[in-house]
Protein backbone atom coordinates (compact mmCIF):
# COMPACT_ATOMS: atom_id res chain seq x y z
CA MET A 1 14.45 11.10 0.07
CA LEU A 2 10.80 10.13 -0.71
CA PHE A 3 10.15 6.49 -0.63
CA MET A 4 6.49 4.88 -0.80
CA LEU A 5 5.91 1.64 0.83
CA ILE A 6 3.12 0.06 -1.21
CA VAL A 7 0.73 -2.54 0.54
CA LYS A 8 -0.41 -5.06 -1.88
CA ALA A 9 -3.99 -6.24 -1.79
CA SER A 10 -4.95 -9.76 -0.61
CA LYS A 11 -8.36 -11.56 -1.03
CA ASN A 12 -8.97 -10.40 2.55
CA SER A 13 -8.30 -6.85 1.59
CA GLU A 14 -10.59 -7.21 -1.60
CA ALA A 15 -13.18 -8.61 0.41
CA GLY A 16 -13.30 -5.52 2.36
CA THR A 17 -12.48 -7.72 5.40
CA LEU A 18 -11.11 -5.47 8.32
CA PRO A 19 -7.53 -6.26 10.19
CA SER A 20 -7.75 -8.02 13.26
CA PRO A 21 -7.56 -5.91 16.49
CA GLU A 22 -4.37 -6.93 17.31
CA LEU A 23 -2.64 -6.17 13.69
CA MET A 24 -4.68 -2.39 14.16
CA GLU A 25 -3.10 -2.39 17.44
CA ALA A 26 0.34 -3.11 15.87
CA MET A 27 -0.23 -0.76 12.82
CA ASP A 28 -1.18 2.27 14.89
CA LYS A 29 2.15 1.55 17.10
CA TYR A 30 4.23 1.46 13.85
CA ASN A 31 2.62 4.52 12.19
CA GLU A 32 3.41 6.26 15.76
CA ALA A 33 6.90 5.21 15.33
CA LEU A 34 7.28 6.82 12.30
CA ILE A 35 5.63 10.01 13.12
CA ASN A 36 7.69 10.16 16.34
CA ALA A 37 11.01 9.69 13.88
CA GLY A 38 9.81 12.60 11.70
CA VAL A 39 9.63 10.22 8.68
CA ARG A 40 6.26 9.80 7.70
CA VAL A 41 4.74 12.15 5.45
CA MET A 42 1.38 10.27 4.57
CA ALA A 43 -0.41 6.97 5.34
CA LYS A 44 -3.55 5.89 3.55
CA GLY A 45 -5.51 2.90 3.06
CA LEU A 46 -7.51 2.37 -0.33
CA HIS A 47 -11.14 0.89 -1.07
CA PRO A 48 -11.35 -2.52 -2.60
CA SER A 49 -10.94 -2.88 -6.49
CA SER A 50 -14.82 -3.27 -6.69
CA ASN A 51 -14.85 0.29 -6.37
CA GLY A 52 -12.16 1.14 -8.62
CA ILE A 53 -11.78 2.22 -12.16
CA ARG A 54 -8.65 1.17 -14.55
CA LEU A 55 -7.87 3.31 -17.58
CA SER A 56 -5.67 1.54 -20.00
CA PHE A 57 -4.50 3.29 -23.21
CA PRO A 58 -4.04 0.38 -26.19
CA LYS A 59 -3.68 2.87 -28.91
CA SER A 60 -1.69 5.69 -29.10
CA GLY A 61 -3.58 8.93 -29.93
CA GLU A 62 -7.16 7.46 -29.35
CA LYS A 63 -9.47 7.58 -26.25
CA PRO A 64 -8.53 5.40 -22.92
CA VAL A 65 -10.44 2.31 -22.60
CA VAL A 66 -12.31 2.72 -19.01
CA THR A 67 -12.86 -0.48 -17.12
CA TYR A 68 -14.90 -0.62 -13.56
CA GLY A 69 -13.81 -3.30 -10.82
CA PRO A 70 -13.26 -5.65 -9.26
CA PHE A 71 -10.16 -6.63 -10.73
CA THR A 72 -9.48 -10.30 -10.31
CA GLU A 73 -5.60 -10.15 -10.01
CA THR A 74 -4.84 -9.12 -6.55
CA LYS A 75 -0.96 -9.57 -6.92
CA GLU A 76 -1.19 -6.58 -9.03
CA LEU A 77 -3.47 -4.47 -6.71
CA ILE A 78 -2.74 -1.73 -3.98
CA ALA A 79 -4.44 -2.03 -0.80
CA GLY A 80 -2.55 1.14 0.70
CA PHE A 81 0.61 3.07 1.15
CA ILE A 82 2.83 5.01 3.54
CA LEU A 83 4.89 7.68 2.20
CA ILE A 84 8.09 8.28 4.05
CA ASP A 85 11.16 10.89 3.94
CA VAL A 86 14.33 9.37 4.77
CA LYS A 87 18.08 10.13 4.40
CA SER A 88 18.82 6.69 2.63
CA ARG A 89 17.41 3.84 0.72
CA GLU A 90 19.09 1.72 3.65
CA GLU A 91 17.07 3.65 6.12
CA ALA A 92 14.02 3.28 4.10
CA ILE A 93 14.49 -0.46 3.92
CA GLU A 94 14.60 -0.82 7.58
CA TRP A 95 11.41 1.08 8.16
CA ALA A 96 9.65 -1.10 5.52
CA LYS A 97 11.27 -4.17 7.75
CA ARG A 98 9.72 -2.94 10.90
CA MET A 99 6.21 -3.28 9.15
CA PRO A 100 3.97 -5.78 10.66
CA ASP A 101 2.77 -8.09 8.26
CA PRO A 102 -0.28 -5.57 6.69
CA GLN A 103 -2.71 -8.36 5.78
CA GLY A 104 -2.26 -10.39 8.65
CA LEU A 105 -1.96 -14.56 8.08
CA GLY A 106 1.11 -14.52 6.31
CA GLU A 107 -0.64 -12.81 3.23
CA GLY A 108 0.79 -9.33 3.69
CA GLN A 109 3.44 -7.90 0.84
CA ILE A 110 5.20 -4.51 1.00
CA GLU A 111 7.00 -3.00 -2.35
CA LEU A 112 9.12 -0.13 -1.57
CA ARG A 113 10.01 2.35 -4.32
CA GLN A 114 11.79 5.55 -4.47
CA VAL A 115 9.85 8.96 -5.52
CA PHE A 116 10.89 10.63 -8.04
């Protein structure tokens, strides 16, 4: 079963602030554990939304509206993701619970979603 751990953006990630060396080390260890367990498929961070482009489709059948970042509402933005292949939803939850606070400073939030 494929699951995506979606790392939500924060003011710090949107500002392009790099994580502390301690957090980088903790995330490296977490990723190592995923790899050693054979469950990690892919993990990537994303550039801030100031480098992003959003396409919206307000009218069916018409061309999309293109908006260039930055986008102001950080609660709705994604800073990165990890794709894991596990045996169950419960296993995915356990792996998600092991992830260090991805933003540090109590700002981190992870959304866990199953992939079709």
